[in-house]
């Protein structure tokens, strides 16, 4: 299929694929939404907000998003350490994509 496309079309598809890969984790979407709605959250606040997420899954998701430059992890020197998470400008900008996906879904009434 890709062989019949020109380089610009292939580049567009590959770029879109890269963006969609950010959402491949089970909890990634929910963490992004939670931080879009609340700006800054501590680990336990996120865990509580997300419901049945386990500690390892949330930790892995947060590390993945931090590694992609989507969020910032700030550690405060308290005992025990206080850790807060917030979206970077890149992460907040990704919220526009999610809004566009919602708008598209609403327009075409795509159901699960």
Protein backbone atom coordinates (compact mmCIF):
# COMPACT_ATOMS: atom_id res chain seq x y z
CA UNK A 1 0.00 0.00 0.00
CA UNK A 2 2.70 2.51 0.94
CA UNK A 3 4.59 1.84 -2.28
CA UNK A 4 1.98 3.73 -4.32
CA UNK A 5 2.28 6.86 -2.17
CA UNK A 6 4.75 9.67 -2.70
CA UNK A 7 7.34 10.64 -0.09
CA UNK A 8 5.26 13.48 1.31
CA UNK A 9 2.27 11.20 1.88
CA UNK A 10 4.46 8.54 3.49
CA UNK A 11 6.03 11.18 5.76
CA UNK A 12 2.55 12.35 6.79
CA UNK A 13 1.47 8.80 7.63
CA UNK A 14 4.66 8.09 9.57
CA UNK A 15 4.31 11.34 11.56
CA UNK A 16 0.70 10.56 12.43
CA UNK A 17 1.73 7.04 13.44
CA UNK A 18 4.38 8.46 15.79
CA UNK A 19 1.81 10.73 17.45
CA UNK A 20 -0.67 7.89 17.86
CA UNK A 21 2.03 5.72 19.45
CA UNK A 22 1.97 8.07 22.45
CA UNK A 23 -1.45 6.65 23.27
CA UNK A 24 -0.51 2.99 23.00
CA UNK A 25 -0.21 2.47 26.75
CA UNK A 26 -3.38 1.55 28.61
CA UNK A 27 -3.11 4.48 31.05
CA UNK A 28 -1.39 7.11 28.90
CA UNK A 29 -4.58 8.77 27.67
CA UNK A 30 -6.04 8.91 31.18
CA UNK A 31 -2.87 10.42 32.70
CA UNK A 32 -2.75 13.11 30.01
CA UNK A 33 -6.44 13.94 30.49
CA UNK A 34 -6.05 14.05 34.27
CA UNK A 35 -3.10 16.46 34.00
CA UNK A 36 -4.87 18.58 31.38
CA UNK A 37 -7.79 19.02 33.77
CA UNK A 38 -5.76 19.53 36.95
CA UNK A 39 -2.40 21.03 35.90
CA UNK A 40 -0.28 19.46 38.65
CA UNK A 41 -0.80 16.23 40.56
CA UNK A 42 1.18 14.10 42.95
CA UNK A 43 1.63 10.40 42.31
CA UNK A 44 -0.96 9.27 44.85
CA UNK A 45 -3.46 11.86 43.61
CA UNK A 46 -3.07 10.48 40.08
CA UNK A 47 -3.35 6.91 41.33
CA UNK A 48 -6.50 7.75 43.26
CA UNK A 49 -8.05 9.66 40.34
CA UNK A 50 -7.42 6.83 37.89
CA UNK A 51 -9.11 4.19 40.00
CA UNK A 52 -7.81 0.68 39.48
CA UNK A 53 -4.35 1.47 38.07
CA UNK A 54 -1.59 -0.40 39.87
CA UNK A 55 1.58 1.34 41.06
CA UNK A 56 3.86 -0.28 38.48
CA UNK A 57 1.59 0.56 35.56
CA UNK A 58 1.30 4.19 36.65
CA UNK A 59 5.04 4.45 37.26
CA UNK A 60 5.79 2.99 33.82
CA UNK A 61 3.29 5.34 32.17
CA UNK A 62 4.73 8.40 33.91
CA UNK A 63 8.29 7.40 32.98
CA UNK A 64 7.23 6.83 29.36
CA UNK A 65 5.58 10.26 29.15
CA UNK A 66 8.53 11.93 30.84
CA UNK A 67 10.90 10.23 28.40
CA UNK A 68 8.82 11.55 25.48
CA UNK A 69 8.99 15.08 26.87
CA UNK A 70 5.26 15.13 27.59
CA UNK A 71 5.48 15.76 31.33
CA UNK A 72 7.80 17.09 33.98
CA UNK A 73 8.50 15.25 37.20
CA UNK A 74 9.48 17.57 40.05
CA UNK A 75 10.91 16.13 43.27
CA UNK A 76 10.84 18.26 46.41
CA UNK A 77 13.33 17.53 49.21
CA UNK A 78 10.85 16.60 51.90
CA UNK A 79 10.64 13.49 54.05
CA UNK A 80 9.18 11.48 52.47
CA UNK A 81 9.97 13.05 49.10
CA UNK A 82 7.14 14.94 47.44
CA UNK A 83 6.88 14.27 43.69
CA UNK A 84 4.63 16.27 41.39
CA UNK A 85 3.79 15.75 37.73
CA UNK A 86 2.67 18.32 35.20
CA UNK A 87 2.42 18.45 31.44
CA UNK A 88 5.03 20.27 29.45
CA UNK A 89 3.99 22.65 26.67
CA UNK A 90 4.39 19.68 24.35
CA UNK A 91 2.03 17.63 26.52
CA UNK A 92 -0.51 20.44 26.76
CA UNK A 93 -0.36 20.91 23.01
CA UNK A 94 -1.17 17.21 22.58
CA UNK A 95 -4.47 18.03 24.27
CA UNK A 96 -5.47 19.81 21.05
CA UNK A 97 -5.10 16.54 19.18
CA UNK A 98 -7.28 14.78 21.74
CA UNK A 99 -9.92 17.51 21.39
CA UNK A 100 -9.84 17.13 17.60
CA UNK A 101 -10.25 13.36 17.97
CA UNK A 102 -13.23 13.94 20.27
CA UNK A 103 -14.77 16.40 17.79
CA UNK A 104 -14.29 13.93 14.94
CA UNK A 105 -15.82 11.14 17.01
CA UNK A 106 -18.79 13.30 17.95
CA UNK A 107 -19.34 14.29 14.31
CA UNK A 108 -19.27 10.73 13.00
CA UNK A 109 -20.75 9.07 16.09
CA UNK A 110 -18.13 6.37 16.35
CA UNK A 111 -18.99 3.94 19.15
CA UNK A 112 -16.77 1.42 20.89
